[in-house]
Amino acid sequence: MKKMNAKVGDRITFERNGMAHSGVVFKSMDNSVLVDIPDESKDYLSYTTAKTVVAHSKYTILK
């Protein structure tokens, strides 16, 4: 069974650096989604922006 890809507005969870993070999809592309993440995740991951790219195979859609 093929996995459903997230759509704009969906909340997803994904693992990065051994810790689970969640965010909201703001753009879906062929192989990945662009996600707004909370400032806590941004700081933990040492990112300069609260946005990240997650491959379709690396996340789970939250209900």
N, C-alpha and C. Protein backbone atom coordinates (compact mmCIF):
# COMPACT_ATOMS: atom_id res chain seq x y z
N MET A 1 0.85 -1.19 0.00
CA MET A 1 0.00 0.00 0.00
C MET A 1 0.89 1.25 0.00
N LYS A 2 0.58 2.19 -0.88
CA LYS A 2 1.38 3.41 -1.01
C LYS A 2 1.07 4.37 0.14
N LYS A 3 2.13 4.98 0.68
CA LYS A 3 1.99 5.93 1.77
C LYS A 3 1.35 7.22 1.25
N MET A 4 0.46 7.80 2.02
CA MET A 4 -0.15 9.08 1.67
C MET A 4 0.86 10.20 1.93
N ASN A 5 1.04 11.08 0.99
CA ASN A 5 1.90 12.24 1.18
C ASN A 5 1.13 13.35 1.88
N ALA A 6 1.84 14.11 2.70
CA ALA A 6 1.23 15.22 3.43
C ALA A 6 0.83 16.32 2.46
N LYS A 7 -0.22 17.05 2.84
CA LYS A 7 -0.70 18.18 2.08
C LYS A 7 -0.44 19.45 2.88
N VAL A 8 -0.52 20.59 2.22
CA VAL A 8 -0.34 21.88 2.89
C VAL A 8 -1.32 21.96 4.06
N GLY A 9 -0.81 22.34 5.22
CA GLY A 9 -1.63 22.45 6.43
C GLY A 9 -1.58 21.24 7.33
N ASP A 10 -1.10 20.10 6.82
CA ASP A 10 -1.00 18.89 7.65
C ASP A 10 0.11 19.05 8.69
N ARG A 11 -0.13 18.51 9.87
CA ARG A 11 0.90 18.46 10.92
C ARG A 11 1.60 17.11 10.78
N ILE A 12 2.94 17.14 10.76
CA ILE A 12 3.72 15.91 10.62
C ILE A 12 4.72 15.81 11.77
N THR A 13 5.22 14.60 11.96
CA THR A 13 6.32 14.38 12.90
C THR A 13 7.43 13.67 12.15
N PHE A 14 8.67 14.00 12.52
CA PHE A 14 9.84 13.43 11.86
C PHE A 14 10.98 13.39 12.86
N GLU A 15 11.98 12.56 12.58
CA GLU A 15 13.12 12.44 13.48
C GLU A 15 14.32 13.14 12.87
N ARG A 16 15.01 13.91 13.70
CA ARG A 16 16.21 14.61 13.26
C ARG A 16 17.15 14.65 14.45
N ASN A 17 18.39 14.24 14.25
CA ASN A 17 19.40 14.21 15.32
C ASN A 17 18.94 13.39 16.53
N GLY A 18 18.26 12.29 16.27
CA GLY A 18 17.85 11.38 17.34
C GLY A 18 16.68 11.85 18.18
N MET A 19 16.00 12.92 17.75
CA MET A 19 14.87 13.44 18.52
C MET A 19 13.68 13.68 17.59
N ALA A 20 12.49 13.42 18.09
CA ALA A 20 11.27 13.64 17.29
C ALA A 20 10.93 15.12 17.28
N HIS A 21 10.55 15.62 16.12
CA HIS A 21 10.13 17.00 15.94
C HIS A 21 8.82 16.99 15.16
N SER A 22 8.06 18.06 15.32
CA SER A 22 6.82 18.17 14.54
C SER A 22 6.75 19.54 13.91
N GLY A 23 5.90 19.67 12.93
CA GLY A 23 5.72 20.94 12.26
C GLY A 23 4.54 20.88 11.32
N VAL A 24 4.30 22.00 10.65
CA VAL A 24 3.16 22.12 9.74
C VAL A 24 3.70 22.32 8.32
N VAL A 25 3.18 21.52 7.40
CA VAL A 25 3.59 21.58 6.00
C VAL A 25 3.08 22.87 5.37
N PHE A 26 3.99 23.63 4.71
CA PHE A 26 3.55 24.81 3.99
C PHE A 26 3.75 24.69 2.49
N LYS A 27 4.45 23.64 2.03
CA LYS A 27 4.56 23.37 0.60
C LYS A 27 4.90 21.90 0.41
N SER A 28 4.23 21.26 -0.54
CA SER A 28 4.49 19.86 -0.86
C SER A 28 5.08 19.80 -2.26
N MET A 29 6.17 19.04 -2.39
CA MET A 29 6.84 18.88 -3.68
C MET A 29 6.85 17.39 -4.05
N ASP A 30 7.49 17.04 -5.17
CA ASP A 30 7.48 15.66 -5.64
C ASP A 30 8.09 14.68 -4.64
N ASN A 31 9.23 15.03 -4.04
CA ASN A 31 9.95 14.10 -3.17
C ASN A 31 10.00 14.50 -1.71
N SER A 32 9.49 15.67 -1.37
CA SER A 32 9.61 16.16 0.00
C SER A 32 8.56 17.23 0.29
N VAL A 33 8.55 17.65 1.56
CA VAL A 33 7.68 18.75 1.98
C VAL A 33 8.53 19.81 2.68
N LEU A 34 8.08 21.06 2.60
CA LEU A 34 8.69 22.14 3.37
C LEU A 34 7.83 22.34 4.60
N VAL A 35 8.49 22.45 5.76
CA VAL A 35 7.78 22.42 7.04
C VAL A 35 8.18 23.61 7.91
N ASP A 36 7.19 24.27 8.51
CA ASP A 36 7.43 25.25 9.56
C ASP A 36 7.57 24.48 10.86
N ILE A 37 8.68 24.71 11.58
CA ILE A 37 8.91 24.02 12.85
C ILE A 37 8.90 25.05 13.98
N PRO A 38 8.62 24.62 15.21
CA PRO A 38 8.62 25.56 16.34
C PRO A 38 10.04 26.07 16.63
N ASP A 39 10.11 27.23 17.28
CA ASP A 39 11.41 27.81 17.64
C ASP A 39 12.24 26.87 18.50
N GLU A 40 11.59 26.06 19.34
CA GLU A 40 12.33 25.12 20.20
C GLU A 40 13.09 24.11 19.34
N SER A 41 12.46 23.61 18.29
CA SER A 41 13.13 22.67 17.38
C SER A 41 14.23 23.38 16.61
N LYS A 42 13.95 24.58 16.15
CA LYS A 42 14.96 25.38 15.42
C LYS A 42 16.21 25.56 16.27
N ASP A 43 16.03 25.93 17.53
CA ASP A 43 17.17 26.14 18.43
C ASP A 43 17.90 24.84 18.71
N TYR A 44 17.15 23.76 18.97
CA TYR A 44 17.77 22.46 19.26
C TYR A 44 18.62 21.99 18.08
N LEU A 45 18.13 22.22 16.87
CA LEU A 45 18.82 21.77 15.67
C LEU A 45 19.87 22.78 15.18
N SER A 46 19.97 23.91 15.86
CA SER A 46 20.91 24.99 15.51
C SER A 46 20.67 25.51 14.09
N TYR A 47 19.40 25.62 13.72
CA TYR A 47 19.03 26.17 12.41
C TYR A 47 18.90 27.68 12.54
N THR A 48 19.11 28.39 11.45
CA THR A 48 18.95 29.85 11.46
C THR A 48 17.53 30.27 11.11
N THR A 49 16.74 29.33 10.61
CA THR A 49 15.34 29.60 10.25
C THR A 49 14.46 28.49 10.81
N ALA A 50 13.18 28.80 10.98
CA ALA A 50 12.24 27.81 11.52
C ALA A 50 11.54 27.05 10.40
N LYS A 51 12.28 26.75 9.34
CA LYS A 51 11.76 25.98 8.21
C LYS A 51 12.76 24.88 7.88
N THR A 52 12.24 23.74 7.43
CA THR A 52 13.13 22.64 7.04
C THR A 52 12.47 21.82 5.94
N VAL A 53 13.27 20.99 5.29
CA VAL A 53 12.80 20.09 4.24
C VAL A 53 12.80 18.68 4.80
N VAL A 54 11.72 17.94 4.56
CA VAL A 54 11.63 16.55 5.03
C VAL A 54 11.17 15.68 3.86
N ALA A 55 11.92 14.61 3.58
CA ALA A 55 11.55 13.69 2.52
C ALA A 55 10.25 12.97 2.88
N HIS A 56 9.47 12.64 1.86
CA HIS A 56 8.20 11.94 2.08
C HIS A 56 8.40 10.65 2.87
N SER A 57 9.51 10.00 2.69
CA SER A 57 9.74 8.71 3.37
C SER A 57 10.15 8.89 4.83
N LYS A 58 10.36 10.11 5.29
CA LYS A 58 10.91 10.35 6.63
C LYS A 58 9.94 10.96 7.62
N TYR A 59 8.66 11.05 7.31
CA TYR A 59 7.72 11.65 8.26
C TYR A 59 6.45 10.81 8.39
N THR A 60 5.70 11.13 9.44
CA THR A 60 4.39 10.53 9.67
C THR A 60 3.39 11.68 9.83
N ILE A 61 2.24 11.55 9.19
CA ILE A 61 1.19 12.57 9.32
C ILE A 61 0.46 12.34 10.63
N LEU A 62 0.32 13.42 11.42
CA LEU A 62 -0.42 13.34 12.67
C LEU A 62 -1.89 13.61 12.40
N LYS A 63 -2.74 12.95 13.16
CA LYS A 63 -4.20 13.12 12.99
C LYS A 63 -4.67 14.33 13.75
